[in-house]
Protein backbone atom coordinates (compact mmCIF):
# COMPACT_ATOMS: atom_id res chain seq x y z
CA UNK A 1 0.00 0.00 0.00
CA UNK A 2 1.40 3.45 -0.94
CA UNK A 3 1.96 6.13 1.68
CA UNK A 4 0.73 9.18 -0.21
CA UNK A 5 -1.19 10.26 -3.27
CA UNK A 6 1.95 11.39 -5.09
CA UNK A 7 2.63 10.32 -8.64
CA UNK A 8 5.99 8.71 -7.81
CA UNK A 9 7.01 5.72 -9.87
CA UNK A 10 5.07 6.84 -12.92
CA UNK A 11 1.68 6.07 -11.37
CA UNK A 12 -1.18 8.42 -12.10
CA UNK A 13 -3.16 9.93 -9.26
CA UNK A 14 -6.07 7.62 -10.11
CA UNK A 15 -3.84 4.54 -9.93
CA UNK A 16 -2.37 5.74 -6.62
CA UNK A 17 -5.88 6.39 -5.28
CA UNK A 18 -6.88 2.84 -6.21
CA UNK A 19 -4.35 1.57 -3.64
CA UNK A 20 -6.31 3.23 -0.81
CA UNK A 21 -9.52 2.24 0.87
CA UNK A 22 -12.40 4.72 0.57
CA UNK A 23 -12.35 5.51 4.29
CA UNK A 24 -8.67 6.43 4.12
CA UNK A 25 -9.28 8.67 1.10
CA UNK A 26 -12.09 10.46 2.95
CA UNK A 27 -9.90 10.86 6.03
CA UNK A 28 -7.00 12.29 4.04
CA UNK A 29 -9.25 14.58 2.00
CA UNK A 30 -10.82 16.09 5.09
CA UNK A 31 -7.44 16.44 6.78
CA UNK A 32 -5.89 18.19 3.79
CA UNK A 33 -8.90 20.51 3.45
CA UNK A 34 -8.58 21.55 7.10
CA UNK A 35 -4.84 22.09 6.70
CA UNK A 36 -5.36 24.19 3.57
CA UNK A 37 -8.04 26.31 5.25
CA UNK A 38 -5.82 26.99 8.27
CA UNK A 39 -2.85 27.82 6.03
CA UNK A 40 -4.90 30.24 3.93
CA UNK A 41 -6.27 31.92 7.05
CA UNK A 42 -2.76 32.58 8.32
CA UNK A 43 -1.67 33.88 4.90
CA UNK A 44 -4.59 36.33 4.82
CA UNK A 45 -3.77 37.55 8.33
CA UNK A 46 -0.28 38.41 7.04
CA UNK A 47 -1.68 40.03 3.89
CA UNK A 48 -4.06 42.15 5.98
CA UNK A 49 -1.21 43.15 8.29
CA UNK A 50 0.98 44.22 5.39
CA UNK A 51 -1.94 46.13 3.86
CA UNK A 52 -2.49 47.85 7.21
CA UNK A 53 1.17 48.84 7.45
CA UNK A 54 1.21 50.12 3.86
CA UNK A 55 -2.10 51.99 4.13
CA UNK A 56 -0.36 55.31 4.67
CA UNK A 57 -3.08 56.57 7.00
CA UNK A 58 -5.81 56.43 4.35
CA UNK A 59 -9.05 55.56 6.11
CA UNK A 60 -10.50 53.36 3.37
CA UNK A 61 -7.32 51.27 3.08
CA UNK A 62 -7.17 50.87 6.87
CA UNK A 63 -10.80 49.67 6.95
CA UNK A 64 -10.10 47.21 4.14
CA UNK A 65 -6.99 45.84 5.89
CA UNK A 66 -8.78 45.51 9.23
CA UNK A 67 -11.64 43.71 7.46
CA UNK A 68 -9.20 41.30 5.85
CA UNK A 69 -7.59 40.54 9.22
CA UNK A 70 -10.98 40.18 10.92
CA UNK A 71 -12.33 37.75 8.32
CA UNK A 72 -9.08 35.75 8.32
CA UNK A 73 -9.26 35.37 12.11
CA UNK A 74 -12.92 34.32 11.84
CA UNK A 75 -11.89 31.80 9.18
CA UNK A 76 -9.15 30.44 11.43
CA UNK A 77 -11.58 30.08 14.35
CA UNK A 78 -14.08 28.29 12.09
CA UNK A 79 -11.29 25.99 10.89
CA UNK A 80 -10.35 25.11 14.46
CA UNK A 81 -13.98 24.49 15.36
CA UNK A 82 -14.42 22.41 12.21
CA UNK A 83 -11.45 20.29 13.22
CA UNK A 84 -12.99 19.63 16.62
CA UNK A 85 -16.43 18.89 15.16
CA UNK A 86 -15.10 16.69 12.35
CA UNK A 87 -12.91 14.82 14.82
CA UNK A 88 -15.84 14.21 17.16
CA UNK A 89 -18.30 13.21 14.45
CA UNK A 90 -15.62 11.19 12.67
CA UNK A 91 -14.90 9.12 15.75
CA UNK A 92 -18.62 8.45 16.12
CA UNK A 93 -18.74 7.23 12.49
CA UNK A 94 -15.45 5.30 12.59
CA UNK A 95 -13.34 7.87 10.71
CA UNK A 96 -10.19 8.74 12.62
CA UNK A 97 -9.38 12.05 10.92
CA UNK A 98 -7.14 13.47 13.64
CA UNK A 99 -4.45 10.84 12.96
CA UNK A 100 -3.95 12.29 9.47
CA UNK A 101 -3.30 15.85 10.68
CA UNK A 102 0.37 15.38 11.41
CA UNK A 103 2.94 18.16 11.16
CA UNK A 104 5.63 15.87 9.75
CA UNK A 105 3.29 14.72 6.97
CA UNK A 106 2.44 18.33 6.14
CA UNK A 107 6.13 19.22 5.80
CA UNK A 108 6.74 16.14 3.64
CA UNK A 109 3.86 17.06 1.32
CA UNK A 110 5.09 20.64 0.98
CA UNK A 111 8.62 19.40 0.29
CA UNK A 112 7.38 16.95 -2.35
CA UNK A 113 5.31 19.65 -4.05
CA UNK A 114 8.24 22.04 -3.99
CA UNK A 115 10.72 19.51 -5.35
CA UNK A 116 8.37 18.36 -8.12
CA UNK A 117 7.64 21.98 -9.10
CA UNK A 118 11.37 22.78 -9.06
CA UNK A 119 12.27 19.83 -11.28
CA UNK A 120 9.45 20.70 -13.69
CA UNK A 121 10.65 24.29 -13.88
CA UNK A 122 14.23 23.26 -14.65
CA UNK A 123 13.19 20.88 -17.40
CA UNK A 124 11.25 23.63 -19.20
CA UNK A 125 14.22 25.99 -19.47
């Protein structure tokens, strides 16, 4: 059984997905969606902060930046609550989603994406 949905070894994503059970695919999909939502929330907090710093005292830009930060924080809170709710409901239904939210796995996925994008970029030049 493969460890990730990467296309290593010349396998397509569909072939790699065929190696997994449906429950594991659902678990991983939910885990990756939660991770992506949390990551995007943090990115938008930074974007709002930079917009606030660069607003130059203009009231409309300050309001826009504060709105961006506010909505990003609300999104992060909703993501955290979703993790708790999905974990609780998942355990009741036999899906153990929390096991798939692992920091080491996240770093490995980001590294694999970065290395595959880097090798693709070099081959095009």
